[in-house]
Amino acid sequence: MEEELCRDIIKKMLNLKDLDVVVYKNLLRLRRKVKVNDLSHIVGRDRSTVQRSLNRLVKAGLCRKEKRIMRNGGYYYIYSVKEAEEIRDIIEKCLEEWYTKIKTKLLEGEEFLS
């Protein structure tokens, strides 16, 4: 229960969806750089859906996106998970900001549960 609550709070703070967590866990498990198509096969979801999840993960700071140039022209992106220490720092910073916002609202007398 407590682990689930923590996961839900982190998802909310980073504006992530359930699928984003699934995509993240698979990237973490693979421990290598992955193309969207490969990850969509692993997750069992449409390429564009996985692409949106990856974009949210990049925006949240949990993943890296690298552009690769193909020899015959064109390009593609590969994705990887950031180091655990970087992710811990991001989540800690978000928690501190979130705590400060809530504490300020409480001190201002705002009602959260009404």
PDB file of N, CA and C in Angstrom:
ATOM      1  N   MET A   1       0.826  -1.194   0.000  1.00  0.00           N
ATOM      2  CA  MET A   1       0.000   0.000   0.000  1.00  0.00           C
ATOM      3  C   MET A   1       0.871   1.258   0.000  1.00  0.00           C
ATOM      4  N   GLU A   2       1.878   1.296   0.884  1.00  0.00           N
ATOM      5  CA  GLU A   2       2.749   2.464   0.993  1.00  0.00           C
ATOM      6  C   GLU A   2       3.556   2.660  -0.293  1.00  0.00           C
ATOM      7  N   GLU A   3       4.049   1.554  -0.862  1.00  0.00           N
ATOM      8  CA  GLU A   3       4.812   1.631  -2.114  1.00  0.00           C
ATOM      9  C   GLU A   3       3.931   2.162  -3.246  1.00  0.00           C
ATOM     10  N   GLU A   4       2.689   1.699  -3.279  1.00  0.00           N
ATOM     11  CA  GLU A   4       1.743   2.157  -4.304  1.00  0.00           C
ATOM     12  C   GLU A   4       1.449   3.653  -4.151  1.00  0.00           C
ATOM     13  N   LEU A   5       1.306   4.108  -2.927  1.00  0.00           N
ATOM     14  CA  LEU A   5       1.066   5.525  -2.664  1.00  0.00           C
ATOM     15  C   LEU A   5       2.253   6.367  -3.131  1.00  0.00           C
ATOM     16  N   CYS A   6       3.460   5.915  -2.827  1.00  0.00           N
ATOM     17  CA  CYS A   6       4.664   6.635  -3.271  1.00  0.00           C
ATOM     18  C   CYS A   6       4.720   6.703  -4.791  1.00  0.00           C
ATOM     19  N   ARG A   7       4.438   5.592  -5.450  1.00  0.00           N
ATOM     20  CA  ARG A   7       4.448   5.556  -6.914  1.00  0.00           C
ATOM     21  C   ARG A   7       3.408   6.525  -7.479  1.00  0.00           C
ATOM     22  N   ASP A   8       2.221   6.552  -6.871  1.00  0.00           N
ATOM     23  CA  ASP A   8       1.166   7.453  -7.343  1.00  0.00           C
ATOM     24  C   ASP A   8       1.554   8.923  -7.160  1.00  0.00           C
ATOM     25  N   ILE A   9       2.187   9.232  -6.043  1.00  0.00           N
ATOM     26  CA  ILE A   9       2.621  10.610  -5.798  1.00  0.00           C
ATOM     27  C   ILE A   9       3.678  11.019  -6.815  1.00  0.00           C
ATOM     28  N   ILE A  10       4.641  10.150  -7.063  1.00  0.00           N
ATOM     29  CA  ILE A  10       5.700  10.453  -8.033  1.00  0.00           C
ATOM     30  C   ILE A  10       5.115  10.596  -9.433  1.00  0.00           C
ATOM     31  N   LYS A  11       4.176   9.719  -9.792  1.00  0.00           N
ATOM     32  CA  LYS A  11       3.519   9.834 -11.107  1.00  0.00           C
ATOM     33  C   LYS A  11       2.827  11.181 -11.239  1.00  0.00           C
ATOM     34  N   LYS A  12       2.135  11.585 -10.204  1.00  0.00           N
ATOM     35  CA  LYS A  12       1.408  12.859 -10.228  1.00  0.00           C
ATOM     36  C   LYS A  12       2.377  14.037 -10.324  1.00  0.00           C
ATOM     37  N   MET A  13       3.433  14.006  -9.543  1.00  0.00           N
ATOM     38  CA  MET A  13       4.414  15.097  -9.553  1.00  0.00           C
ATOM     39  C   MET A  13       5.075  15.252 -10.919  1.00  0.00           C
ATOM     40  N   LEU A  14       5.368  14.124 -11.564  1.00  0.00           N
ATOM     41  CA  LEU A  14       6.075  14.155 -12.842  1.00  0.00           C
ATOM     42  C   LEU A  14       5.129  14.132 -14.040  1.00  0.00           C
ATOM     43  N   ASN A  15       3.820  14.128 -13.765  1.00  0.00           N
ATOM     44  CA  ASN A  15       2.801  14.123 -14.819  1.00  0.00           C
ATOM     45  C   ASN A  15       2.926  12.892 -15.728  1.00  0.00           C
ATOM     46  N   LEU A  16       3.042  11.721 -15.100  1.00  0.00           N
ATOM     47  CA  LEU A  16       3.190  10.471 -15.836  1.00  0.00           C
ATOM     48  C   LEU A  16       1.914   9.646 -15.759  1.00  0.00           C
ATOM     49  N   LYS A  17       1.743   8.793 -16.761  1.00  0.00           N
ATOM     50  CA  LYS A  17       0.598   7.885 -16.815  1.00  0.00           C
ATOM     51  C   LYS A  17       1.069   6.466 -16.495  1.00  0.00           C
ATOM     52  N   ASP A  18       0.119   5.553 -16.308  1.00  0.00           N
ATOM     53  CA  ASP A  18       0.458   4.163 -15.996  1.00  0.00           C
ATOM     54  C   ASP A  18       1.364   3.551 -17.065  1.00  0.00           C
ATOM     55  N   LEU A  19       1.056   3.799 -18.333  1.00  0.00           N
ATOM     56  CA  LEU A  19       1.877   3.233 -19.407  1.00  0.00           C
ATOM     57  C   LEU A  19       3.299   3.779 -19.360  1.00  0.00           C
ATOM     58  N   ASP A  20       3.462   5.023 -18.967  1.00  0.00           N
ATOM     59  CA  ASP A  20       4.798   5.610 -18.861  1.00  0.00           C
ATOM     60  C   ASP A  20       5.642   4.818 -17.866  1.00  0.00           C
ATOM     61  N   VAL A  21       5.026   4.397 -16.775  1.00  0.00           N
ATOM     62  CA  VAL A  21       5.730   3.602 -15.769  1.00  0.00           C
ATOM     63  C   VAL A  21       6.113   2.245 -16.350  1.00  0.00           C
ATOM     64  N   VAL A  22       5.221   1.643 -17.116  1.00  0.00           N
ATOM     65  CA  VAL A  22       5.510   0.358 -17.767  1.00  0.00           C
ATOM     66  C   VAL A  22       6.682   0.512 -18.734  1.00  0.00           C
ATOM     67  N   VAL A  23       6.646   1.554 -19.545  1.00  0.00           N
ATOM     68  CA  VAL A  23       7.722   1.813 -20.507  1.00  0.00           C
ATOM     69  C   VAL A  23       9.032   2.041 -19.759  1.00  0.00           C
ATOM     70  N   TYR A  24       8.994   2.838 -18.709  1.00  0.00           N
ATOM     71  CA  TYR A  24      10.187   3.122 -17.913  1.00  0.00           C
ATOM     72  C   TYR A  24      10.776   1.839 -17.324  1.00  0.00           C
ATOM     73  N   LYS A  25       9.923   1.007 -16.731  1.00  0.00           N
ATOM     74  CA  LYS A  25      10.403  -0.238 -16.123  1.00  0.00           C
ATOM     75  C   LYS A  25      11.051  -1.152 -17.158  1.00  0.00           C
ATOM     76  N   ASN A  26      10.489  -1.187 -18.377  1.00  0.00           N
ATOM     77  CA  ASN A  26      11.086  -2.005 -19.433  1.00  0.00           C
ATOM     78  C   ASN A  26      12.429  -1.443 -19.887  1.00  0.00           C
ATOM     79  N   LEU A  27      12.525  -0.133 -20.004  1.00  0.00           N
ATOM     80  CA  LEU A  27      13.817   0.490 -20.334  1.00  0.00           C
ATOM     81  C   LEU A  27      14.844   0.182 -19.252  1.00  0.00           C
ATOM     82  N   LEU A  28      14.434   0.263 -18.022  1.00  0.00           N
ATOM     83  CA  LEU A  28      15.314  -0.015 -16.893  1.00  0.00           C
ATOM     84  C   LEU A  28      15.789  -1.469 -16.927  1.00  0.00           C
ATOM     85  N   ARG A  29      14.873  -2.367 -17.221  1.00  0.00           N
ATOM     86  CA  ARG A  29      15.192  -3.796 -17.281  1.00  0.00           C
ATOM     87  C   ARG A  29      16.161  -4.108 -18.419  1.00  0.00           C
ATOM     88  N   LEU A  30      15.993  -3.439 -19.559  1.00  0.00           N
ATOM     89  CA  LEU A  30      16.830  -3.709 -20.730  1.00  0.00           C
ATOM     90  C   LEU A  30      18.271  -3.233 -20.549  1.00  0.00           C
ATOM     91  N   ARG A  31      18.452  -2.146 -19.804  1.00  0.00           N
ATOM     92  CA  ARG A  31      19.785  -1.598 -19.523  1.00  0.00           C
ATOM     93  C   ARG A  31      20.603  -1.297 -20.774  1.00  0.00           C
ATOM     94  N   ARG A  32      19.926  -0.827 -21.806  1.00  0.00           N
ATOM     95  CA  ARG A  32      20.618  -0.437 -23.035  1.00  0.00           C
ATOM     96  C   ARG A  32      19.783   0.606 -23.756  1.00  0.00           C
ATOM     97  N   LYS A  33      20.383   1.194 -24.785  1.00  0.00           N
ATOM     98  CA  LYS A  33      19.664   2.179 -25.593  1.00  0.00           C
ATOM     99  C   LYS A  33      18.738   1.440 -26.548  1.00  0.00           C
ATOM    100  N   VAL A  34      17.514   1.958 -26.702  1.00  0.00           N
ATOM    101  CA  VAL A  34      16.475   1.244 -27.447  1.00  0.00           C
ATOM    102  C   VAL A  34      15.760   2.189 -28.406  1.00  0.00           C
ATOM    103  N   LYS A  35      15.398   1.650 -29.584  1.00  0.00           N
ATOM    104  CA  LYS A  35      14.566   2.389 -30.540  1.00  0.00           C
ATOM    105  C   LYS A  35      13.100   2.241 -30.131  1.00  0.00           C
ATOM    106  N   VAL A  36      12.292   3.183 -30.577  1.00  0.00           N
ATOM    107  CA  VAL A  36      10.864   3.166 -30.251  1.00  0.00           C
ATOM    108  C   VAL A  36      10.211   1.873 -30.738  1.00  0.00           C
ATOM    109  N   ASN A  37      10.506   1.467 -31.964  1.00  0.00           N
ATOM    110  CA  ASN A  37       9.888   0.258 -32.518  1.00  0.00           C
ATOM    111  C   ASN A  37      10.186  -0.973 -31.668  1.00  0.00           C
ATOM    112  N   ASP A  38      11.440  -1.105 -31.230  1.00  0.00           N
ATOM    113  CA  ASP A  38      11.807  -2.254 -30.394  1.00  0.00           C
ATOM    114  C   ASP A  38      11.035  -2.236 -29.082  1.00  0.00           C
ATOM    115  N   LEU A  39      10.948  -1.073 -28.484  1.00  0.00           N
ATOM    116  CA  LEU A  39      10.246  -0.949 -27.208  1.00  0.00           C
ATOM    117  C   LEU A  39       8.744  -1.176 -27.366  1.00  0.00           C
ATOM    118  N   SER A  40       8.181  -0.742 -28.486  1.00  0.00           N
ATOM    119  CA  SER A  40       6.741  -0.944 -28.699  1.00  0.00           C
ATOM    120  C   SER A  40       6.417  -2.435 -28.828  1.00  0.00           C
ATOM    121  N   HIS A  41       7.332  -3.212 -29.425  1.00  0.00           N
ATOM    122  CA  HIS A  41       7.132  -4.667 -29.505  1.00  0.00           C
ATOM    123  C   HIS A  41       7.201  -5.301 -28.113  1.00  0.00           C
ATOM    124  N   ILE A  42       8.153  -4.850 -27.317  1.00  0.00           N
ATOM    125  CA  ILE A  42       8.328  -5.396 -25.971  1.00  0.00           C
ATOM    126  C   ILE A  42       7.118  -5.083 -25.095  1.00  0.00           C
ATOM    127  N   VAL A  43       6.645  -3.848 -25.163  1.00  0.00           N
ATOM    128  CA  VAL A  43       5.525  -3.401 -24.326  1.00  0.00           C
ATOM    129  C   VAL A  43       4.189  -3.901 -24.874  1.00  0.00           C
ATOM    130  N   GLY A  44       4.148  -4.175 -26.174  1.00  0.00           N
ATOM    131  CA  GLY A  44       2.909  -4.643 -26.789  1.00  0.00           C
ATOM    132  C   GLY A  44       1.919  -3.533 -27.069  1.00  0.00           C
ATOM    133  N   ARG A  45       2.443  -2.342 -27.334  1.00  0.00           N
ATOM    134  CA  ARG A  45       1.592  -1.193 -27.637  1.00  0.00           C
ATOM    135  C   ARG A  45       2.031  -0.565 -28.948  1.00  0.00           C
ATOM    136  N   ASP A  46       1.150   0.228 -29.523  1.00  0.00           N
ATOM    137  CA  ASP A  46       1.415   0.908 -30.782  1.00  0.00           C
ATOM    138  C   ASP A  46       2.634   1.823 -30.657  1.00  0.00           C
ATOM    139  N   ARG A  47       3.384   1.943 -31.744  1.00  0.00           N
ATOM    140  CA  ARG A  47       4.595   2.755 -31.773  1.00  0.00           C
ATOM    141  C   ARG A  47       4.335   4.196 -31.327  1.00  0.00           C
ATOM    142  N   SER A  48       3.266   4.803 -31.839  1.00  0.00           N
ATOM    143  CA  SER A  48       2.983   6.205 -31.500  1.00  0.00           C
ATOM    144  C   SER A  48       2.620   6.369 -30.019  1.00  0.00           C
ATOM    145  N   THR A  49       1.976   5.376 -29.448  1.00  0.00           N
ATOM    146  CA  THR A  49       1.625   5.408 -28.024  1.00  0.00           C
ATOM    147  C   THR A  49       2.883   5.355 -27.165  1.00  0.00           C
ATOM    148  N   VAL A  50       3.799   4.463 -27.533  1.00  0.00           N
ATOM    149  CA  VAL A  50       5.066   4.345 -26.807  1.00  0.00           C
ATOM    150  C   VAL A  50       5.892   5.616 -26.985  1.00  0.00           C
ATOM    151  N   GLN A  51       5.843   6.203 -28.188  1.00  0.00           N
ATOM    152  CA  GLN A  51       6.560   7.452 -28.455  1.00  0.00           C
ATOM    153  C   GLN A  51       6.084   8.568 -27.515  1.00  0.00           C
ATOM    154  N   ARG A  52       4.781   8.663 -27.329  1.00  0.00           N
ATOM    155  CA  ARG A  52       4.240   9.679 -26.419  1.00  0.00           C
ATOM    156  C   ARG A  52       4.700   9.430 -24.975  1.00  0.00           C
ATOM    157  N   SER A  53       4.708   8.165 -24.574  1.00  0.00           N
ATOM    158  CA  SER A  53       5.189   7.836 -23.228  1.00  0.00           C
ATOM    159  C   SER A  53       6.657   8.212 -23.065  1.00  0.00           C
ATOM    160  N   LEU A  54       7.456   7.892 -24.063  1.00  0.00           N
ATOM    161  CA  LEU A  54       8.877   8.231 -24.007  1.00  0.00           C
ATOM    162  C   LEU A  54       9.082   9.743 -23.939  1.00  0.00           C
ATOM    163  N   ASN A  55       8.291  10.481 -24.689  1.00  0.00           N
ATOM    164  CA  ASN A  55       8.400  11.942 -24.649  1.00  0.00           C
ATOM    165  C   ASN A  55       8.075  12.485 -23.259  1.00  0.00           C
ATOM    166  N   ARG A  56       7.065  11.896 -22.600  1.00  0.00           N
ATOM    167  CA  ARG A  56       6.741  12.326 -21.231  1.00  0.00           C
ATOM    168  C   ARG A  56       7.884  11.977 -20.268  1.00  0.00           C
ATOM    169  N   LEU A  57       8.488  10.808 -20.465  1.00  0.00           N
ATOM    170  CA  LEU A  57       9.605  10.396 -19.612  1.00  0.00           C
ATOM    171  C   LEU A  57      10.821  11.302 -19.807  1.00  0.00           C
ATOM    172  N   VAL A  58      11.069  11.698 -21.054  1.00  0.00           N
ATOM    173  CA  VAL A  58      12.170  12.627 -21.340  1.00  0.00           C
ATOM    174  C   VAL A  58      11.872  13.980 -20.703  1.00  0.00           C
ATOM    175  N   LYS A  59      10.645  14.459 -20.872  1.00  0.00           N
ATOM    176  CA  LYS A  59      10.247  15.755 -20.305  1.00  0.00           C
ATOM    177  C   LYS A  59      10.362  15.746 -18.779  1.00  0.00           C
ATOM    178  N   ALA A  60      10.039  14.605 -18.168  1.00  0.00           N
ATOM    179  CA  ALA A  60      10.134  14.471 -16.710  1.00  0.00           C
ATOM    180  C   ALA A  60      11.583  14.356 -16.243  1.00  0.00           C
ATOM    181  N   GLY A  61      12.499  14.103 -17.183  1.00  0.00           N
ATOM    182  CA  GLY A  61      13.914  14.001 -16.841  1.00  0.00           C
ATOM    183  C   GLY A  61      14.375  12.605 -16.473  1.00  0.00           C
ATOM    184  N   LEU A  62      13.526  11.595 -16.702  1.00  0.00           N
ATOM    185  CA  LEU A  62      13.875  10.230 -16.324  1.00  0.00           C
ATOM    186  C   LEU A  62      14.623   9.472 -17.417  1.00  0.00           C
ATOM    187  N   CYS A  63      14.511   9.930 -18.659  1.00  0.00           N
ATOM    188  CA  CYS A  63      15.135   9.246 -19.795  1.00  0.00           C
ATOM    189  C   CYS A  63      15.909  10.225 -20.669  1.00  0.00           C
ATOM    190  N   ARG A  64      16.818   9.648 -21.452  1.00  0.00           N
ATOM    191  CA  ARG A  64      17.576  10.415 -22.441  1.00  0.00           C
ATOM    192  C   ARG A  64      17.076  10.057 -23.833  1.00  0.00           C
ATOM    193  N   LYS A  65      17.127  11.040 -24.711  1.00  0.00           N
ATOM    194  CA  LYS A  65      16.748  10.860 -26.112  1.00  0.00           C
ATOM    195  C   LYS A  65      17.948  11.310 -26.948  1.00  0.00           C
ATOM    196  N   GLU A  66      18.461  10.402 -27.783  1.00  0.00           N
ATOM    197  CA  GLU A  66      19.624  10.716 -28.607  1.00  0.00           C
ATOM    198  C   GLU A  66      19.285  10.519 -30.080  1.00  0.00           C
ATOM    199  N   LYS A  67      19.693  11.483 -30.886  1.00  0.00           N
ATOM    200  CA  LYS A  67      19.450  11.427 -32.323  1.00  0.00           C
ATOM    201  C   LYS A  67      20.605  10.687 -32.991  1.00  0.00           C
ATOM    202  N   ARG A  68      20.282   9.741 -33.862  1.00  0.00           N
ATOM    203  CA  ARG A  68      21.280   8.993 -34.620  1.00  0.00           C
ATOM    204  C   ARG A  68      21.040   9.218 -36.108  1.00  0.00           C
ATOM    205  N   ILE A  69      22.108   9.516 -36.824  1.00  0.00           N
ATOM    206  CA  ILE A  69      22.032   9.751 -38.267  1.00  0.00           C
ATOM    207  C   ILE A  69      22.289   8.432 -38.999  1.00  0.00           C
ATOM    208  N   MET A  70      21.447   8.146 -39.989  1.00  0.00           N
ATOM    209  CA  MET A  70      21.621   6.934 -40.788  1.00  0.00           C
ATOM    210  C   MET A  70      22.537   7.239 -41.973  1.00  0.00           C
ATOM    211  N   ARG A  71      23.290   6.250 -42.418  1.00  0.00           N
ATOM    212  CA  ARG A  71      24.247   6.427 -43.520  1.00  0.00           C
ATOM    213  C   ARG A  71      23.585   6.867 -44.813  1.00  0.00           C
ATOM    214  N   ASN A  72      22.424   6.326 -45.099  1.00  0.00           N
ATOM    215  CA  ASN A  72      21.736   6.632 -46.358  1.00  0.00           C
ATOM    216  C   ASN A  72      20.836   7.864 -46.248  1.00  0.00           C
ATOM    217  N   GLY A  73      20.993   8.607 -45.177  1.00  0.00           N
ATOM    218  CA  GLY A  73      20.159   9.788 -44.955  1.00  0.00           C
ATOM    219  C   GLY A  73      19.063   9.494 -43.955  1.00  0.00           C
ATOM    220  N   GLY A  74      18.570  10.515 -43.356  1.00  0.00           N
ATOM    221  CA  GLY A  74      17.523  10.355 -42.353  1.00  0.00           C
ATOM    222  C   GLY A  74      18.119  10.176 -40.964  1.00  0.00           C
ATOM    223  N   TYR A  75      17.258   9.986 -40.023  1.00  0.00           N
ATOM    224  CA  TYR A  75      17.693   9.832 -38.638  1.00  0.00           C
ATOM    225  C   TYR A  75      16.630   9.079 -37.848  1.00  0.00           C
ATOM    226  N   TYR A  76      17.021   8.665 -36.657  1.00  0.00           N
ATOM    227  CA  TYR A  76      16.101   8.034 -35.715  1.00  0.00           C
ATOM    228  C   TYR A  76      16.576   8.381 -34.306  1.00  0.00           C
ATOM    229  N   TYR A  77      15.741   8.096 -33.331  1.00  0.00           N
ATOM    230  CA  TYR A  77      16.091   8.378 -31.943  1.00  0.00           C
ATOM    231  C   TYR A  77      16.227   7.082 -31.165  1.00  0.00           C
ATOM    232  N   ILE A  78      17.134   7.109 -30.204  1.00  0.00           N
ATOM    233  CA  ILE A  78      17.239   6.003 -29.256  1.00  0.00           C
ATOM    234  C   ILE A  78      17.034   6.574 -27.852  1.00  0.00           C
ATOM    235  N   TYR A  79      16.528   5.732 -26.981  1.00  0.00           N
ATOM    236  CA  TYR A  79      16.171   6.164 -25.629  1.00  0.00           C
ATOM    237  C   TYR A  79      16.868   5.287 -24.599  1.00  0.00           C
ATOM    238  N   SER A  80      17.213   5.900 -23.491  1.00  0.00           N
ATOM    239  CA  SER A  80      17.812   5.162 -22.383  1.00  0.00           C
ATOM    240  C   SER A  80      17.411   5.824 -21.068  1.00  0.00           C
ATOM    241  N   VAL A  81      17.544   5.063 -20.003  1.00  0.00           N
ATOM    242  CA  VAL A  81      17.212   5.551 -18.663  1.00  0.00           C
ATOM    243  C   VAL A  81      18.420   6.301 -18.112  1.00  0.00           C
ATOM    244  N   LYS A  82      18.163   7.399 -17.424  1.00  0.00           N
ATOM    245  CA  LYS A  82      19.246   8.135 -16.774  1.00  0.00           C
ATOM    246  C   LYS A  82      19.745   7.339 -15.569  1.00  0.00           C
ATOM    247  N   GLU A  83      20.903   7.736 -15.077  1.00  0.00           N
ATOM    248  CA  GLU A  83      21.494   7.079 -13.906  1.00  0.00           C
ATOM    249  C   GLU A  83      20.587   7.254 -12.686  1.00  0.00           C
ATOM    250  N   ALA A  84      20.622   6.265 -11.802  1.00  0.00           N
ATOM    251  CA  ALA A  84      19.764   6.273 -10.608  1.00  0.00           C
ATOM    252  C   ALA A  84      19.964   7.536  -9.771  1.00  0.00           C
ATOM    253  N   GLU A  85      21.203   7.998  -9.656  1.00  0.00           N
ATOM    254  CA  GLU A  85      21.486   9.195  -8.854  1.00  0.00           C
ATOM    255  C   GLU A  85      20.815  10.437  -9.449  1.00  0.00           C
ATOM    256  N   GLU A  86      20.841  10.559 -10.779  1.00  0.00           N
ATOM    257  CA  GLU A  86      20.188  11.691 -11.449  1.00  0.00           C
ATOM    258  C   GLU A  86      18.682  11.666 -11.205  1.00  0.00           C
ATOM    259  N   ILE A  87      18.103  10.479 -11.324  1.00  0.00           N
ATOM    260  CA  ILE A  87      16.657  10.320 -11.143  1.00  0.00           C
ATOM    261  C   ILE A  87      16.269  10.625  -9.701  1.00  0.00           C
ATOM    262  N   ARG A  88      17.068  10.152  -8.771  1.00  0.00           N
ATOM    263  CA  ARG A  88      16.813  10.421  -7.356  1.00  0.00           C
ATOM    264  C   ARG A  88      16.825  11.931  -7.094  1.00  0.00           C
ATOM    265  N   ASP A  89      17.794  12.636  -7.692  1.00  0.00           N
ATOM    266  CA  ASP A  89      17.877  14.093  -7.530  1.00  0.00           C
ATOM    267  C   ASP A  89      16.647  14.796  -8.103  1.00  0.00           C
ATOM    268  N   ILE A  90      16.186  14.345  -9.273  1.00  0.00           N
ATOM    269  CA  ILE A  90      15.005  14.936  -9.916  1.00  0.00           C
ATOM    270  C   ILE A  90      13.773  14.752  -9.035  1.00  0.00           C
ATOM    271  N   ILE A  91      13.581  13.536  -8.546  1.00  0.00           N
ATOM    272  CA  ILE A  91      12.410  13.241  -7.721  1.00  0.00           C
ATOM    273  C   ILE A  91      12.489  14.003  -6.396  1.00  0.00           C
ATOM    274  N   GLU A  92      13.681  14.067  -5.822  1.00  0.00           N
ATOM    275  CA  GLU A  92      13.846  14.808  -4.566  1.00  0.00           C
ATOM    276  C   GLU A  92      13.520  16.289  -4.756  1.00  0.00           C
ATOM    277  N   LYS A  93      13.979  16.874  -5.849  1.00  0.00           N
ATOM    278  CA  LYS A  93      13.696  18.281  -6.136  1.00  0.00           C
ATOM    279  C   LYS A  93      12.191  18.504  -6.312  1.00  0.00           C
ATOM    280  N   CYS A  94      11.545  17.613  -7.058  1.00  0.00           N
ATOM    281  CA  CYS A  94      10.092  17.716  -7.260  1.00  0.00           C
ATOM    282  C   CYS A  94       9.342  17.603  -5.938  1.00  0.00           C
ATOM    283  N   LEU A  95       9.765  16.671  -5.089  1.00  0.00           N
ATOM    284  CA  LEU A  95       9.124  16.503  -3.782  1.00  0.00           C
ATOM    285  C   LEU A  95       9.245  17.765  -2.938  1.00  0.00           C
ATOM    286  N   GLU A  96      10.430  18.356  -2.944  1.00  0.00           N
ATOM    287  CA  GLU A  96      10.641  19.575  -2.162  1.00  0.00           C
ATOM    288  C   GLU A  96       9.768  20.718  -2.680  1.00  0.00           C
ATOM    289  N   GLU A  97       9.677  20.859  -4.011  1.00  0.00           N
ATOM    290  CA  GLU A  97       8.833  21.906  -4.601  1.00  0.00           C
ATOM    291  C   GLU A  97       7.367  21.662  -4.275  1.00  0.00           C
ATOM    292  N   TRP A  98       6.950  20.411  -4.381  1.00  0.00           N
ATOM    293  CA  TRP A  98       5.568  20.035  -4.111  1.00  0.00           C
ATOM    294  C   TRP A  98       5.224  20.309  -2.647  1.00  0.00           C
ATOM    295  N   TYR A  99       6.117  19.910  -1.760  1.00  0.00           N
ATOM    296  CA  TYR A  99       5.917  20.131  -0.322  1.00  0.00           C
ATOM    297  C   TYR A  99       5.784  21.624  -0.026  1.00  0.00           C
ATOM    298  N   THR A 100       6.652  22.423  -0.612  1.00  0.00           N
ATOM    299  CA  THR A 100       6.617  23.873  -0.397  1.00  0.00           C
ATOM    300  C   THR A 100       5.301  24.469  -0.877  1.00  0.00           C
ATOM    301  N   LYS A 101       4.827  24.039  -2.043  1.00  0.00           N
ATOM    302  CA  LYS A 101       3.558  24.552  -2.577  1.00  0.00           C
ATOM    303  C   LYS A 101       2.390  24.199  -1.663  1.00  0.00           C
ATOM    304  N   ILE A 102       2.349  22.949  -1.220  1.00  0.00           N
ATOM    305  CA  ILE A 102       1.250  22.512  -0.354  1.00  0.00           C
ATOM    306  C   ILE A 102       1.306  23.238   0.989  1.00  0.00           C
ATOM    307  N   LYS A 103       2.492  23.359   1.555  1.00  0.00           N
ATOM    308  CA  LYS A 103       2.631  24.046   2.842  1.00  0.00           C
ATOM    309  C   LYS A 103       2.193  25.503   2.721  1.00  0.00           C
ATOM    310  N   THR A 104       2.561  26.164   1.633  1.00  0.00           N
ATOM    311  CA  THR A 104       2.162  27.554   1.402  1.00  0.00           C
ATOM    312  C   THR A 104       0.647  27.672   1.327  1.00  0.00           C
ATOM    313  N   LYS A 105       0.022  26.772   0.589  1.00  0.00           N
ATOM    314  CA  LYS A 105      -1.439  26.807   0.453  1.00  0.00           C
ATOM    315  C   LYS A 105      -2.122  26.562   1.798  1.00  0.00           C
ATOM    316  N   LEU A 106      -1.573  25.651   2.590  1.00  0.00           N
ATOM    317  CA  LEU A 106      -2.137  25.397   3.917  1.00  0.00           C
ATOM    318  C   LEU A 106      -2.014  26.626   4.809  1.00  0.00           C
ATOM    319  N   LEU A 107      -0.863  27.274   4.754  1.00  0.00           N
ATOM    320  CA  LEU A 107      -0.651  28.479   5.567  1.00  0.00           C
ATOM    321  C   LEU A 107      -1.553  29.624   5.129  1.00  0.00           C
ATOM    322  N   GLU A 108      -1.891  29.637   3.828  1.00  0.00           N
ATOM    323  CA  GLU A 108      -2.797  30.664   3.307  1.00  0.00           C
ATOM    324  C   GLU A 108      -4.253  30.329   3.614  1.00  0.00           C
ATOM    325  N   GLY A 109      -4.486  29.141   4.171  1.00  0.00           N
ATOM    326  CA  GLY A 109      -5.828  28.755   4.570  1.00  0.00           C
ATOM    327  C   GLY A 109      -6.673  28.134   3.472  1.00  0.00           C
ATOM    328  N   GLU A 110      -6.051  27.675   2.383  1.00  0.00           N
ATOM    329  CA  GLU A 110      -6.831  27.060   1.298  1.00  0.00           C
ATOM    330  C   GLU A 110      -7.352  25.697   1.729  1.00  0.00           C
ATOM    331  N   GLU A 111      -8.558  25.402   1.295  1.00  0.00           N
ATOM    332  CA  GLU A 111      -9.187  24.115   1.576  1.00  0.00           C
ATOM    333  C   GLU A 111      -8.860  23.143   0.449  1.00  0.00           C
ATOM    334  N   PHE A 112      -8.283  21.990   0.786  1.00  0.00           N
ATOM    335  CA  PHE A 112      -7.943  20.991  -0.217  1.00  0.00           C
ATOM    336  C   PHE A 112      -9.031  19.937  -0.384  1.00  0.00           C
ATOM    337  N   LEU A 113      -9.748  19.678   0.671  1.00  0.00           N
ATOM    338  CA  LEU A 113     -10.689  18.562   0.652  1.00  0.00           C
ATOM    339  C   LEU A 113     -12.142  18.996   0.558  1.00  0.00           C
ATOM    340  N   SER A 114     -12.385  20.238   0.212  1.00  0.00           N
ATOM    341  CA  SER A 114     -13.782  20.696   0.148  1.00  0.00           C
ATOM    342  C   SER A 114     -14.381  20.471  -1.218  1.00  0.00           C
TER     343      SER A 114
END
